[in-house]
Amino acid sequence: MLMSEQQPNNPLHGITLEVIVNRLVDHFGWEDLGECIDIRCFQNDPSVKSSLKFLRRMPWARERVEELYLMTYQDMNLDSPSP
């Protein structure tokens, strides 16, 4: 079974966590992102590398980031922002 057949309805399919974090930081900035999602990796000396490390270990935090990403780009009426 091809990967695209496994998750045909997943709006995040094919988008890496790193791309999601970078797009959210570009859109909100670290300060506002840290206010939207109350986790320390976005508030205290934030970096993409440290955020990815934390989000990969904490599924609950990753879910919040993915939800914010989807809400942000659905609200902007963008099906899938370009990488």
PDB file of N, CA and C in Angstrom:
ATOM      1  N   MET A   1       0.843  -1.170   0.000  1.00  0.00           N
ATOM      2  CA  MET A   1       0.000   0.000   0.000  1.00  0.00           C
ATOM      3  C   MET A   1       0.900   1.248   0.000  1.00  0.00           C
ATOM      4  N   LEU A   2       0.610   2.180  -0.857  1.00  0.00           N
ATOM      5  CA  LEU A   2       1.384   3.407  -0.939  1.00  0.00           C
ATOM      6  C   LEU A   2       1.073   4.306   0.249  1.00  0.00           C
ATOM      7  N   MET A   3       2.048   5.124   0.627  1.00  0.00           N
ATOM      8  CA  MET A   3       1.875   6.005   1.768  1.00  0.00           C
ATOM      9  C   MET A   3       0.681   6.939   1.555  1.00  0.00           C
ATOM     10  N   SER A   4       0.494   7.439   0.335  1.00  0.00           N
ATOM     11  CA  SER A   4      -0.611   8.353   0.067  1.00  0.00           C
ATOM     12  C   SER A   4      -1.956   7.654   0.210  1.00  0.00           C
ATOM     13  N   GLU A   5      -1.994   6.322   0.049  1.00  0.00           N
ATOM     14  CA  GLU A   5      -3.225   5.572   0.218  1.00  0.00           C
ATOM     15  C   GLU A   5      -3.520   5.324   1.692  1.00  0.00           C
ATOM     16  N   GLN A   6      -2.521   5.360   2.536  1.00  0.00           N
ATOM     17  CA  GLN A   6      -2.699   5.075   3.954  1.00  0.00           C
ATOM     18  C   GLN A   6      -3.387   6.229   4.684  1.00  0.00           C
ATOM     19  N   GLN A   7      -3.177   7.462   4.263  1.00  0.00           N
ATOM     20  CA  GLN A   7      -3.718   8.632   4.956  1.00  0.00           C
ATOM     21  C   GLN A   7      -4.350   9.607   3.966  1.00  0.00           C
ATOM     22  N   PRO A   8      -5.316   9.170   3.189  1.00  0.00           N
ATOM     23  CA  PRO A   8      -5.850  10.044   2.155  1.00  0.00           C
ATOM     24  C   PRO A   8      -6.574  11.272   2.691  1.00  0.00           C
ATOM     25  N   ASN A   9      -7.120  11.214   3.910  1.00  0.00           N
ATOM     26  CA  ASN A   9      -7.881  12.338   4.451  1.00  0.00           C
ATOM     27  C   ASN A   9      -7.127  13.137   5.503  1.00  0.00           C
ATOM     28  N   ASN A  10      -5.861  12.869   5.677  1.00  0.00           N
ATOM     29  CA  ASN A  10      -5.056  13.579   6.667  1.00  0.00           C
ATOM     30  C   ASN A  10      -4.544  14.876   6.039  1.00  0.00           C
ATOM     31  N   PRO A  11      -5.020  16.040   6.514  1.00  0.00           N
ATOM     32  CA  PRO A  11      -4.585  17.307   5.915  1.00  0.00           C
ATOM     33  C   PRO A  11      -3.112  17.617   6.159  1.00  0.00           C
ATOM     34  N   LEU A  12      -2.487  16.933   7.101  1.00  0.00           N
ATOM     35  CA  LEU A  12      -1.074  17.158   7.397  1.00  0.00           C
ATOM     36  C   LEU A  12      -0.166  16.153   6.693  1.00  0.00           C
ATOM     37  N   HIS A  13      -0.752  15.238   5.943  1.00  0.00           N
ATOM     38  CA  HIS A  13       0.045  14.222   5.258  1.00  0.00           C
ATOM     39  C   HIS A  13       1.062  14.886   4.325  1.00  0.00           C
ATOM     40  N   GLY A  14       2.319  14.519   4.493  1.00  0.00           N
ATOM     41  CA  GLY A  14       3.378  15.054   3.647  1.00  0.00           C
ATOM     42  C   GLY A  14       4.006  16.341   4.166  1.00  0.00           C
ATOM     43  N   ILE A  15       3.500  16.870   5.272  1.00  0.00           N
ATOM     44  CA  ILE A  15       4.054  18.099   5.854  1.00  0.00           C
ATOM     45  C   ILE A  15       4.810  17.703   7.116  1.00  0.00           C
ATOM     46  N   THR A  16       6.092  17.999   7.155  1.00  0.00           N
ATOM     47  CA  THR A  16       6.895  17.611   8.307  1.00  0.00           C
ATOM     48  C   THR A  16       6.635  18.539   9.494  1.00  0.00           C
ATOM     49  N   LEU A  17       6.946  18.047  10.674  1.00  0.00           N
ATOM     50  CA  LEU A  17       6.806  18.854  11.881  1.00  0.00           C
ATOM     51  C   LEU A  17       7.689  20.100  11.802  1.00  0.00           C
ATOM     52  N   GLU A  18       8.854  19.966  11.219  1.00  0.00           N
ATOM     53  CA  GLU A  18       9.747  21.121  11.078  1.00  0.00           C
ATOM     54  C   GLU A  18       9.120  22.209  10.205  1.00  0.00           C
ATOM     55  N   VAL A  19       8.487  21.813   9.128  1.00  0.00           N
ATOM     56  CA  VAL A  19       7.810  22.779   8.253  1.00  0.00           C
ATOM     57  C   VAL A  19       6.677  23.465   9.019  1.00  0.00           C
ATOM     58  N   ILE A  20       5.916  22.685   9.783  1.00  0.00           N
ATOM     59  CA  ILE A  20       4.812  23.245  10.558  1.00  0.00           C
ATOM     60  C   ILE A  20       5.325  24.280  11.551  1.00  0.00           C
ATOM     61  N   VAL A  21       6.367  23.937  12.302  1.00  0.00           N
ATOM     62  CA  VAL A  21       6.921  24.868  13.297  1.00  0.00           C
ATOM     63  C   VAL A  21       7.452  26.124  12.611  1.00  0.00           C
ATOM     64  N   ASN A  22       8.189  25.963  11.541  1.00  0.00           N
ATOM     65  CA  ASN A  22       8.733  27.131  10.840  1.00  0.00           C
ATOM     66  C   ASN A  22       7.632  28.047  10.312  1.00  0.00           C
ATOM     67  N   ARG A  23       6.576  27.474   9.764  1.00  0.00           N
ATOM     68  CA  ARG A  23       5.472  28.291   9.236  1.00  0.00           C
ATOM     69  C   ARG A  23       4.749  29.029  10.354  1.00  0.00           C
ATOM     70  N   LEU A  24       4.550  28.347  11.491  1.00  0.00           N
ATOM     71  CA  LEU A  24       3.895  29.013  12.617  1.00  0.00           C
ATOM     72  C   LEU A  24       4.767  30.136  13.173  1.00  0.00           C
ATOM     73  N   VAL A  25       6.060  29.910  13.254  1.00  0.00           N
ATOM     74  CA  VAL A  25       6.965  30.964  13.739  1.00  0.00           C
ATOM     75  C   VAL A  25       6.968  32.138  12.766  1.00  0.00           C
ATOM     76  N   ASP A  26       6.980  31.855  11.472  1.00  0.00           N
ATOM     77  CA  ASP A  26       6.924  32.927  10.475  1.00  0.00           C
ATOM     78  C   ASP A  26       5.623  33.720  10.588  1.00  0.00           C
ATOM     79  N   HIS A  27       4.540  33.011  10.856  1.00  0.00           N
ATOM     80  CA  HIS A  27       3.226  33.662  10.918  1.00  0.00           C
ATOM     81  C   HIS A  27       3.022  34.429  12.221  1.00  0.00           C
ATOM     82  N   PHE A  28       3.332  33.786  13.360  1.00  0.00           N
ATOM     83  CA  PHE A  28       3.045  34.376  14.668  1.00  0.00           C
ATOM     84  C   PHE A  28       4.249  35.044  15.318  1.00  0.00           C
ATOM     85  N   GLY A  29       5.440  34.532  15.070  1.00  0.00           N
ATOM     86  CA  GLY A  29       6.609  34.931  15.852  1.00  0.00           C
ATOM     87  C   GLY A  29       6.630  34.097  17.126  1.00  0.00           C
ATOM     88  N   TRP A  30       7.807  33.974  17.735  1.00  0.00           N
ATOM     89  CA  TRP A  30       7.938  33.124  18.925  1.00  0.00           C
ATOM     90  C   TRP A  30       7.075  33.607  20.079  1.00  0.00           C
ATOM     91  N   GLU A  31       7.036  34.915  20.297  1.00  0.00           N
ATOM     92  CA  GLU A  31       6.303  35.442  21.451  1.00  0.00           C
ATOM     93  C   GLU A  31       4.815  35.118  21.361  1.00  0.00           C
ATOM     94  N   ASP A  32       4.204  35.409  20.223  1.00  0.00           N
ATOM     95  CA  ASP A  32       2.777  35.123  20.065  1.00  0.00           C
ATOM     96  C   ASP A  32       2.500  33.626  20.026  1.00  0.00           C
ATOM     97  N   LEU A  33       3.407  32.865  19.441  1.00  0.00           N
ATOM     98  CA  LEU A  33       3.239  31.414  19.420  1.00  0.00           C
ATOM     99  C   LEU A  33       3.255  30.864  20.840  1.00  0.00           C
ATOM    100  N   GLY A  34       4.130  31.405  21.680  1.00  0.00           N
ATOM    101  CA  GLY A  34       4.204  31.001  23.079  1.00  0.00           C
ATOM    102  C   GLY A  34       2.961  31.386  23.866  1.00  0.00           C
ATOM    103  N   GLU A  35       2.252  32.424  23.415  1.00  0.00           N
ATOM    104  CA  GLU A  35       0.989  32.793  24.051  1.00  0.00           C
ATOM    105  C   GLU A  35      -0.149  31.906  23.560  1.00  0.00           C
ATOM    106  N   CYS A  36      -0.116  31.524  22.289  1.00  0.00           N
ATOM    107  CA  CYS A  36      -1.154  30.655  21.729  1.00  0.00           C
ATOM    108  C   CYS A  36      -1.066  29.247  22.301  1.00  0.00           C
ATOM    109  N   ILE A  37       0.148  28.755  22.445  1.00  0.00           N
ATOM    110  CA  ILE A  37       0.378  27.412  22.972  1.00  0.00           C
ATOM    111  C   ILE A  37       1.348  27.562  24.142  1.00  0.00           C
ATOM    112  N   ASP A  38       0.845  27.341  25.327  1.00  0.00           N
ATOM    113  CA  ASP A  38       1.599  27.595  26.555  1.00  0.00           C
ATOM    114  C   ASP A  38       2.557  26.437  26.871  1.00  0.00           C
ATOM    115  N   ILE A  39       3.668  26.411  26.124  1.00  0.00           N
ATOM    116  CA  ILE A  39       4.724  25.438  26.409  1.00  0.00           C
ATOM    117  C   ILE A  39       6.056  26.177  26.417  1.00  0.00           C
ATOM    118  N   ARG A  40       6.917  25.776  27.323  1.00  0.00           N
ATOM    119  CA  ARG A  40       8.172  26.495  27.549  1.00  0.00           C
ATOM    120  C   ARG A  40       9.097  26.535  26.344  1.00  0.00           C
ATOM    121  N   CYS A  41       9.056  25.508  25.500  1.00  0.00           N
ATOM    122  CA  CYS A  41       9.985  25.505  24.363  1.00  0.00           C
ATOM    123  C   CYS A  41       9.688  26.650  23.396  1.00  0.00           C
ATOM    124  N   PHE A  42       8.488  27.257  23.495  1.00  0.00           N
ATOM    125  CA  PHE A  42       8.154  28.419  22.674  1.00  0.00           C
ATOM    126  C   PHE A  42       8.362  29.728  23.430  1.00  0.00           C
ATOM    127  N   GLN A  43       8.598  29.646  24.734  1.00  0.00           N
ATOM    128  CA  GLN A  43       8.649  30.852  25.552  1.00  0.00           C
ATOM    129  C   GLN A  43      10.038  31.194  26.080  1.00  0.00           C
ATOM    130  N   ASN A  44      10.832  30.202  26.415  1.00  0.00           N
ATOM    131  CA  ASN A  44      12.147  30.438  27.020  1.00  0.00           C
ATOM    132  C   ASN A  44      13.250  30.055  26.056  1.00  0.00           C
ATOM    133  N   ASP A  45      13.942  31.053  25.520  1.00  0.00           N
ATOM    134  CA  ASP A  45      15.043  30.829  24.579  1.00  0.00           C
ATOM    135  C   ASP A  45      14.640  29.860  23.456  1.00  0.00           C
ATOM    136  N   PRO A  46      13.570  30.195  22.716  1.00  0.00           N
ATOM    137  CA  PRO A  46      13.034  29.260  21.713  1.00  0.00           C
ATOM    138  C   PRO A  46      13.936  29.097  20.499  1.00  0.00           C
ATOM    139  N   SER A  47      13.915  27.900  19.966  1.00  0.00           N
ATOM    140  CA  SER A  47      14.575  27.622  18.691  1.00  0.00           C
ATOM    141  C   SER A  47      13.804  26.489  18.030  1.00  0.00           C
ATOM    142  N   VAL A  48      13.934  26.383  16.736  1.00  0.00           N
ATOM    143  CA  VAL A  48      13.258  25.320  16.012  1.00  0.00           C
ATOM    144  C   VAL A  48      13.785  23.971  16.498  1.00  0.00           C
ATOM    145  N   LYS A  49      15.081  23.856  16.656  1.00  0.00           N
ATOM    146  CA  LYS A  49      15.690  22.587  17.060  1.00  0.00           C
ATOM    147  C   LYS A  49      15.173  22.114  18.419  1.00  0.00           C
ATOM    148  N   SER A  50      15.162  23.000  19.402  1.00  0.00           N
ATOM    149  CA  SER A  50      14.701  22.596  20.735  1.00  0.00           C
ATOM    150  C   SER A  50      13.198  22.309  20.736  1.00  0.00           C
ATOM    151  N   SER A  51      12.457  23.056  19.951  1.00  0.00           N
ATOM    152  CA  SER A  51      11.013  22.829  19.865  1.00  0.00           C
ATOM    153  C   SER A  51      10.710  21.479  19.235  1.00  0.00           C
ATOM    154  N   LEU A  52      11.415  21.144  18.170  1.00  0.00           N
ATOM    155  CA  LEU A  52      11.200  19.856  17.516  1.00  0.00           C
ATOM    156  C   LEU A  52      11.520  18.705  18.464  1.00  0.00           C
ATOM    157  N   LYS A  53      12.596  18.838  19.206  1.00  0.00           N
ATOM    158  CA  LYS A  53      12.986  17.794  20.156  1.00  0.00           C
ATOM    159  C   LYS A  53      11.871  17.567  21.186  1.00  0.00           C
ATOM    160  N   PHE A  54      11.339  18.654  21.722  1.00  0.00           N
ATOM    161  CA  PHE A  54      10.269  18.555  22.709  1.00  0.00           C
ATOM    162  C   PHE A  54       8.989  17.994  22.086  1.00  0.00           C
ATOM    163  N   LEU A  55       8.589  18.532  20.945  1.00  0.00           N
ATOM    164  CA  LEU A  55       7.330  18.117  20.322  1.00  0.00           C
ATOM    165  C   LEU A  55       7.346  16.659  19.888  1.00  0.00           C
ATOM    166  N   ARG A  56       8.491  16.150  19.520  1.00  0.00           N
ATOM    167  CA  ARG A  56       8.585  14.746  19.121  1.00  0.00           C
ATOM    168  C   ARG A  56       8.462  13.806  20.323  1.00  0.00           C
ATOM    169  N   ARG A  57       8.783  14.306  21.503  1.00  0.00           N
ATOM    170  CA  ARG A  57       8.680  13.479  22.713  1.00  0.00           C
ATOM    171  C   ARG A  57       7.322  13.602  23.396  1.00  0.00           C
ATOM    172  N   MET A  58       6.615  14.674  23.123  1.00  0.00           N
ATOM    173  CA  MET A  58       5.357  14.955  23.822  1.00  0.00           C
ATOM    174  C   MET A  58       4.189  15.031  22.835  1.00  0.00           C
ATOM    175  N   PRO A  59       3.503  13.916  22.631  1.00  0.00           N
ATOM    176  CA  PRO A  59       2.397  13.884  21.662  1.00  0.00           C
ATOM    177  C   PRO A  59       1.296  14.913  21.934  1.00  0.00           C
ATOM    178  N   TRP A  60       1.006  15.204  23.193  1.00  0.00           N
ATOM    179  CA  TRP A  60      -0.036  16.179  23.505  1.00  0.00           C
ATOM    180  C   TRP A  60       0.343  17.569  22.993  1.00  0.00           C
ATOM    181  N   ALA A  61       1.626  17.915  23.092  1.00  0.00           N
ATOM    182  CA  ALA A  61       2.085  19.222  22.628  1.00  0.00           C
ATOM    183  C   ALA A  61       2.082  19.268  21.100  1.00  0.00           C
ATOM    184  N   ARG A  62       2.511  18.187  20.484  1.00  0.00           N
ATOM    185  CA  ARG A  62       2.505  18.116  19.018  1.00  0.00           C
ATOM    186  C   ARG A  62       1.083  18.270  18.485  1.00  0.00           C
ATOM    187  N   GLU A  63       0.113  17.649  19.155  1.00  0.00           N
ATOM    188  CA  GLU A  63      -1.283  17.779  18.737  1.00  0.00           C
ATOM    189  C   GLU A  63      -1.732  19.230  18.771  1.00  0.00           C
ATOM    190  N   ARG A  64      -1.363  19.949  19.805  1.00  0.00           N
ATOM    191  CA  ARG A  64      -1.736  21.368  19.901  1.00  0.00           C
ATOM    192  C   ARG A  64      -1.117  22.185  18.768  1.00  0.00           C
ATOM    193  N   VAL A  65       0.132  21.897  18.459  1.00  0.00           N
ATOM    194  CA  VAL A  65       0.817  22.618  17.378  1.00  0.00           C
ATOM    195  C   VAL A  65       0.143  22.309  16.036  1.00  0.00           C
ATOM    196  N   GLU A  66      -0.162  21.044  15.803  1.00  0.00           N
ATOM    197  CA  GLU A  66      -0.810  20.661  14.550  1.00  0.00           C
ATOM    198  C   GLU A  66      -2.205  21.276  14.450  1.00  0.00           C
ATOM    199  N   GLU A  67      -2.949  21.323  15.550  1.00  0.00           N
ATOM    200  CA  GLU A  67      -4.274  21.942  15.550  1.00  0.00           C
ATOM    201  C   GLU A  67      -4.180  23.428  15.232  1.00  0.00           C
ATOM    202  N   LEU A  68      -3.217  24.117  15.846  1.00  0.00           N
ATOM    203  CA  LEU A  68      -3.048  25.548  15.576  1.00  0.00           C
ATOM    204  C   LEU A  68      -2.689  25.772  14.119  1.00  0.00           C
ATOM    205  N   TYR A  69      -1.826  24.933  13.589  1.00  0.00           N
ATOM    206  CA  TYR A  69      -1.430  25.033  12.191  1.00  0.00           C
ATOM    207  C   TYR A  69      -2.648  24.896  11.284  1.00  0.00           C
ATOM    208  N   LEU A  70      -3.450  23.876  11.532  1.00  0.00           N
ATOM    209  CA  LEU A  70      -4.637  23.657  10.701  1.00  0.00           C
ATOM    210  C   LEU A  70      -5.627  24.808  10.836  1.00  0.00           C
ATOM    211  N   MET A  71      -5.873  25.264  12.059  1.00  0.00           N
ATOM    212  CA  MET A  71      -6.798  26.383  12.263  1.00  0.00           C
ATOM    213  C   MET A  71      -6.282  27.649  11.598  1.00  0.00           C
ATOM    214  N   THR A  72      -4.997  27.891  11.688  1.00  0.00           N
ATOM    215  CA  THR A  72      -4.413  29.100  11.116  1.00  0.00           C
ATOM    216  C   THR A  72      -4.570  29.123   9.610  1.00  0.00           C
ATOM    217  N   TYR A  73      -4.235  28.036   8.961  1.00  0.00           N
ATOM    218  CA  TYR A  73      -4.280  28.026   7.502  1.00  0.00           C
ATOM    219  C   TYR A  73      -5.670  27.756   6.957  1.00  0.00           C
ATOM    220  N   GLN A  74      -6.554  27.121   7.712  1.00  0.00           N
ATOM    221  CA  GLN A  74      -7.943  26.989   7.279  1.00  0.00           C
ATOM    222  C   GLN A  74      -8.632  28.350   7.383  1.00  0.00           C
ATOM    223  N   ASP A  75      -8.326  29.105   8.452  1.00  0.00           N
ATOM    224  CA  ASP A  75      -8.906  30.434   8.611  1.00  0.00           C
ATOM    225  C   ASP A  75      -8.473  31.384   7.515  1.00  0.00           C
ATOM    226  N   MET A  76      -7.293  31.134   6.964  1.00  0.00           N
ATOM    227  CA  MET A  76      -6.781  31.980   5.880  1.00  0.00           C
ATOM    228  C   MET A  76      -7.264  31.486   4.522  1.00  0.00           C
ATOM    229  N   ASN A  77      -8.122  30.436   4.543  1.00  0.00           N
ATOM    230  CA  ASN A  77      -8.660  29.836   3.317  1.00  0.00           C
ATOM    231  C   ASN A  77      -7.583  29.324   2.392  1.00  0.00           C
ATOM    232  N   LEU A  78      -6.564  28.736   2.972  1.00  0.00           N
ATOM    233  CA  LEU A  78      -5.493  28.125   2.188  1.00  0.00           C
ATOM    234  C   LEU A  78      -5.579  26.624   2.384  1.00  0.00           C
ATOM    235  N   ASP A  79      -5.691  25.889   1.311  1.00  0.00           N
ATOM    236  CA  ASP A  79      -5.759  24.449   1.420  1.00  0.00           C
ATOM    237  C   ASP A  79      -4.438  23.883   1.909  1.00  0.00           C
ATOM    238  N   SER A  80      -3.363  24.267   1.268  1.00  0.00           N
ATOM    239  CA  SER A  80      -2.051  23.838   1.744  1.00  0.00           C
ATOM    240  C   SER A  80      -1.028  24.886   1.329  1.00  0.00           C
ATOM    241  N   PRO A  81      -0.522  25.621   2.304  1.00  0.00           N
ATOM    242  CA  PRO A  81       0.455  26.655   2.005  1.00  0.00           C
ATOM    243  C   PRO A  81       1.688  26.064   1.354  1.00  0.00           C
ATOM    244  N   SER A  82       2.286  26.807   0.476  1.00  0.00           N
ATOM    245  CA  SER A  82       3.474  26.299  -0.205  1.00  0.00           C
ATOM    246  C   SER A  82       4.639  26.213   0.767  1.00  0.00           C
ATOM    247  N   PRO A  83       5.502  25.207   0.588  1.00  0.00           N
ATOM    248  CA  PRO A  83       6.634  25.014   1.502  1.00  0.00           C
ATOM    249  C   PRO A  83       7.620  26.158   1.495  1.00  0.00           C
TER     250      PRO A  83
END
